[in-house]
N, C-alpha and C. Protein backbone atom coordinates (compact mmCIF):
# COMPACT_ATOMS: atom_id res chain seq x y z
N MET A 1 11.28 5.61 -14.49
CA MET A 1 10.77 4.31 -14.08
C MET A 1 10.88 4.20 -12.56
N THR A 2 9.90 3.57 -11.96
CA THR A 2 9.86 3.38 -10.52
C THR A 2 10.16 1.93 -10.18
N SER A 3 11.01 1.70 -9.21
CA SER A 3 11.31 0.34 -8.78
C SER A 3 10.49 0.00 -7.54
N THR A 4 10.45 -1.27 -7.20
CA THR A 4 9.71 -1.68 -6.01
C THR A 4 10.31 -1.07 -4.75
N GLU A 5 11.61 -0.89 -4.74
CA GLU A 5 12.26 -0.27 -3.57
C GLU A 5 11.84 1.19 -3.42
N ASP A 6 11.52 1.86 -4.53
CA ASP A 6 11.04 3.24 -4.47
C ASP A 6 9.65 3.31 -3.83
N ILE A 7 8.86 2.26 -4.00
CA ILE A 7 7.49 2.25 -3.49
C ILE A 7 7.43 1.87 -2.01
N LYS A 8 8.26 0.92 -1.60
CA LYS A 8 8.24 0.46 -0.21
C LYS A 8 8.61 1.60 0.74
N ASN A 9 7.93 1.62 1.86
CA ASN A 9 8.13 2.60 2.94
C ASN A 9 7.58 3.99 2.63
N LYS A 10 6.88 4.17 1.52
CA LYS A 10 6.24 5.47 1.27
C LYS A 10 4.92 5.53 2.03
N GLU A 11 4.57 6.73 2.45
CA GLU A 11 3.30 6.94 3.12
C GLU A 11 2.18 6.90 2.09
N VAL A 12 1.05 6.29 2.46
CA VAL A 12 -0.12 6.20 1.59
C VAL A 12 -1.19 7.14 2.13
N ILE A 13 -1.65 8.06 1.28
CA ILE A 13 -2.69 9.02 1.65
C ILE A 13 -3.93 8.72 0.82
N ASN A 14 -5.08 8.64 1.50
CA ASN A 14 -6.35 8.41 0.82
C ASN A 14 -6.93 9.77 0.43
N ILE A 15 -7.06 10.03 -0.87
CA ILE A 15 -7.58 11.33 -1.31
C ILE A 15 -9.08 11.46 -1.06
N PHE A 16 -9.75 10.34 -0.76
CA PHE A 16 -11.18 10.40 -0.46
C PHE A 16 -11.45 11.20 0.81
N ASP A 17 -10.59 10.99 1.84
CA ASP A 17 -10.79 11.70 3.10
C ASP A 17 -9.55 12.46 3.58
N GLY A 18 -8.45 12.37 2.83
CA GLY A 18 -7.23 13.10 3.18
C GLY A 18 -6.42 12.48 4.30
N LYS A 19 -6.78 11.29 4.75
CA LYS A 19 -6.09 10.67 5.89
C LYS A 19 -4.95 9.76 5.44
N SER A 20 -3.97 9.66 6.32
CA SER A 20 -2.87 8.73 6.10
C SER A 20 -3.36 7.32 6.40
N MET A 21 -3.03 6.38 5.54
CA MET A 21 -3.41 4.99 5.74
C MET A 21 -2.26 4.18 6.32
N GLY A 22 -1.08 4.73 6.31
CA GLY A 22 0.10 4.02 6.80
C GLY A 22 1.21 4.05 5.77
N TYR A 23 2.14 3.13 5.91
CA TYR A 23 3.31 3.07 5.03
C TYR A 23 3.37 1.71 4.34
N VAL A 24 3.77 1.71 3.09
CA VAL A 24 3.86 0.47 2.32
C VAL A 24 4.92 -0.43 2.93
N SER A 25 4.53 -1.67 3.22
CA SER A 25 5.48 -2.64 3.77
C SER A 25 5.86 -3.71 2.76
N ASP A 26 5.00 -3.91 1.76
CA ASP A 26 5.26 -4.97 0.79
C ASP A 26 4.47 -4.69 -0.48
N ILE A 27 4.76 -5.43 -1.51
CA ILE A 27 4.08 -5.29 -2.79
C ILE A 27 3.63 -6.68 -3.23
N GLU A 28 2.39 -6.78 -3.72
CA GLU A 28 1.89 -8.05 -4.24
C GLU A 28 2.09 -8.08 -5.75
N ILE A 29 2.76 -9.13 -6.22
CA ILE A 29 3.06 -9.26 -7.64
C ILE A 29 2.46 -10.55 -8.16
N ASN A 30 1.82 -10.49 -9.33
CA ASN A 30 1.31 -11.67 -10.00
C ASN A 30 2.41 -12.13 -10.96
N LEU A 31 3.12 -13.18 -10.58
CA LEU A 31 4.24 -13.65 -11.39
C LEU A 31 3.81 -14.25 -12.72
N GLU A 32 2.62 -14.85 -12.76
CA GLU A 32 2.14 -15.45 -14.00
C GLU A 32 1.88 -14.39 -15.07
N GLU A 33 1.31 -13.25 -14.66
CA GLU A 33 0.97 -12.20 -15.61
C GLU A 33 2.03 -11.10 -15.67
N GLY A 34 2.93 -11.09 -14.69
CA GLY A 34 3.97 -10.06 -14.66
C GLY A 34 3.42 -8.69 -14.32
N THR A 35 2.43 -8.65 -13.42
CA THR A 35 1.81 -7.38 -13.05
C THR A 35 1.84 -7.19 -11.54
N ILE A 36 1.78 -5.93 -11.12
CA ILE A 36 1.66 -5.61 -9.71
C ILE A 36 0.18 -5.62 -9.36
N GLU A 37 -0.19 -6.40 -8.34
CA GLU A 37 -1.58 -6.51 -7.92
C GLU A 37 -1.96 -5.43 -6.92
N GLY A 38 -1.02 -5.03 -6.07
CA GLY A 38 -1.32 -4.02 -5.07
C GLY A 38 -0.16 -3.81 -4.12
N VAL A 39 -0.39 -2.90 -3.18
CA VAL A 39 0.61 -2.63 -2.14
C VAL A 39 0.01 -3.01 -0.79
N VAL A 40 0.86 -3.41 0.12
CA VAL A 40 0.43 -3.88 1.44
C VAL A 40 0.80 -2.84 2.49
N ILE A 41 -0.17 -2.54 3.35
CA ILE A 41 0.04 -1.65 4.48
C ILE A 41 -0.23 -2.47 5.73
N PRO A 42 0.72 -2.54 6.67
CA PRO A 42 0.47 -3.33 7.87
C PRO A 42 -0.66 -2.76 8.71
N SER A 43 -1.46 -3.65 9.28
CA SER A 43 -2.52 -3.20 10.19
C SER A 43 -1.86 -2.63 11.44
N PRO A 44 -2.58 -1.77 12.17
CA PRO A 44 -2.00 -1.23 13.41
C PRO A 44 -1.56 -2.32 14.38
N LYS A 45 -2.21 -3.47 14.35
CA LYS A 45 -1.86 -4.58 15.23
C LYS A 45 -0.53 -5.22 14.83
N ASN A 46 -0.16 -5.07 13.57
CA ASN A 46 1.05 -5.70 13.04
C ASN A 46 2.02 -4.64 12.53
N PHE A 47 2.01 -3.47 13.14
CA PHE A 47 2.76 -2.32 12.64
C PHE A 47 4.25 -2.59 12.48
N PHE A 48 4.85 -3.26 13.43
CA PHE A 48 6.29 -3.48 13.37
C PHE A 48 6.67 -4.69 12.52
N ASN A 49 5.67 -5.41 12.04
CA ASN A 49 5.89 -6.54 11.13
C ASN A 49 6.88 -7.55 11.70
N LEU A 50 6.82 -7.80 12.99
CA LEU A 50 7.77 -8.70 13.63
C LEU A 50 7.59 -10.15 13.19
N PHE A 51 6.39 -10.51 12.82
CA PHE A 51 6.11 -11.89 12.48
C PHE A 51 5.74 -12.06 11.02
N GLY A 52 6.17 -11.16 10.16
CA GLY A 52 5.85 -11.26 8.74
C GLY A 52 4.46 -10.71 8.45
N ARG A 53 3.95 -11.07 7.32
CA ARG A 53 2.66 -10.57 6.86
C ARG A 53 1.52 -11.18 7.65
N SER A 54 0.51 -10.37 7.94
CA SER A 54 -0.65 -10.80 8.70
C SER A 54 -1.89 -10.74 7.81
N GLU A 55 -2.86 -11.58 8.10
CA GLU A 55 -4.13 -11.53 7.37
C GLU A 55 -4.87 -10.22 7.63
N GLU A 56 -4.50 -9.52 8.69
CA GLU A 56 -5.14 -8.25 9.03
C GLU A 56 -4.54 -7.07 8.28
N ASP A 57 -3.43 -7.29 7.57
CA ASP A 57 -2.83 -6.20 6.80
C ASP A 57 -3.78 -5.75 5.70
N TYR A 58 -3.63 -4.51 5.29
CA TYR A 58 -4.48 -3.94 4.24
C TYR A 58 -3.77 -4.08 2.89
N VAL A 59 -4.51 -4.53 1.88
CA VAL A 59 -3.97 -4.60 0.52
C VAL A 59 -4.71 -3.57 -0.32
N ILE A 60 -3.96 -2.61 -0.84
CA ILE A 60 -4.53 -1.58 -1.71
C ILE A 60 -4.34 -2.05 -3.14
N LYS A 61 -5.43 -2.30 -3.84
CA LYS A 61 -5.34 -2.77 -5.23
C LYS A 61 -4.70 -1.71 -6.12
N TRP A 62 -3.94 -2.17 -7.09
CA TRP A 62 -3.18 -1.28 -7.97
C TRP A 62 -4.09 -0.28 -8.67
N GLU A 63 -5.30 -0.68 -9.03
CA GLU A 63 -6.21 0.24 -9.73
C GLU A 63 -6.69 1.38 -8.85
N ASN A 64 -6.54 1.26 -7.53
CA ASN A 64 -6.92 2.35 -6.62
C ASN A 64 -5.81 3.36 -6.40
N ILE A 65 -4.61 3.06 -6.89
CA ILE A 65 -3.49 3.99 -6.77
C ILE A 65 -3.61 5.04 -7.86
N LYS A 66 -3.66 6.31 -7.44
CA LYS A 66 -3.83 7.40 -8.40
C LYS A 66 -2.51 7.98 -8.86
N THR A 67 -1.56 8.12 -7.95
CA THR A 67 -0.23 8.63 -8.32
C THR A 67 0.79 8.21 -7.28
N ILE A 68 2.02 8.06 -7.74
CA ILE A 68 3.14 7.76 -6.85
C ILE A 68 4.09 8.95 -6.94
N GLY A 69 4.16 9.70 -5.84
CA GLY A 69 5.02 10.88 -5.79
C GLY A 69 6.37 10.56 -5.17
N ASP A 70 7.18 11.60 -5.01
CA ASP A 70 8.50 11.43 -4.40
C ASP A 70 8.39 11.00 -2.94
N ASP A 71 7.37 11.49 -2.23
CA ASP A 71 7.25 11.22 -0.79
C ASP A 71 6.05 10.38 -0.40
N VAL A 72 4.97 10.45 -1.19
CA VAL A 72 3.74 9.75 -0.82
C VAL A 72 3.11 9.07 -2.03
N ILE A 73 2.20 8.16 -1.72
CA ILE A 73 1.37 7.50 -2.73
C ILE A 73 -0.06 7.94 -2.46
N LEU A 74 -0.74 8.46 -3.48
CA LEU A 74 -2.13 8.87 -3.34
C LEU A 74 -3.04 7.78 -3.88
N VAL A 75 -4.03 7.40 -3.06
CA VAL A 75 -4.99 6.38 -3.45
C VAL A 75 -6.40 6.93 -3.25
N ASN A 76 -7.37 6.29 -3.87
CA ASN A 76 -8.77 6.70 -3.70
C ASN A 76 -9.57 5.47 -3.28
N ILE A 77 -9.87 5.40 -1.99
CA ILE A 77 -10.64 4.28 -1.44
C ILE A 77 -11.75 4.86 -0.58
N GLU A 78 -12.99 4.57 -0.97
CA GLU A 78 -14.13 5.15 -0.26
C GLU A 78 -14.49 4.38 1.00
N THR A 79 -14.16 3.11 1.08
CA THR A 79 -14.62 2.30 2.21
C THR A 79 -13.48 1.74 3.03
N PHE A 80 -12.45 2.53 3.26
CA PHE A 80 -11.32 2.08 4.07
C PHE A 80 -11.73 2.01 5.53
N LEU A 81 -11.50 0.88 6.17
CA LEU A 81 -11.83 0.70 7.59
C LEU A 81 -10.57 0.89 8.41
N GLU A 82 -10.65 1.72 9.46
CA GLU A 82 -9.49 1.95 10.32
C GLU A 82 -9.44 0.94 11.43
C-alpha cells in the first residue's frame, strides 16, 4: 500500500515525451467520495512554494498516472505546457 507521504516529493516523468515535469508538492483528495483526484506539481514560478498553492501549479489527474515507482511517478500527458 502507498501512503500520501510516499507520493509527495517524487519526481514526475511524462512517458509521452520522456521529460521531467517536476516534483509532487501536494495531493488533491475528494473527501466526499474518498478518492484521490490528482497530484500537484508547482509551476516554475512557484517552485519553492513560499506562499502556498498557486493557480499556476499543475494538477495531474489521477487517471493520467500510469505507475508509481520507488523513485518516480510515470504519467502520460500529451498536451503538457512548460
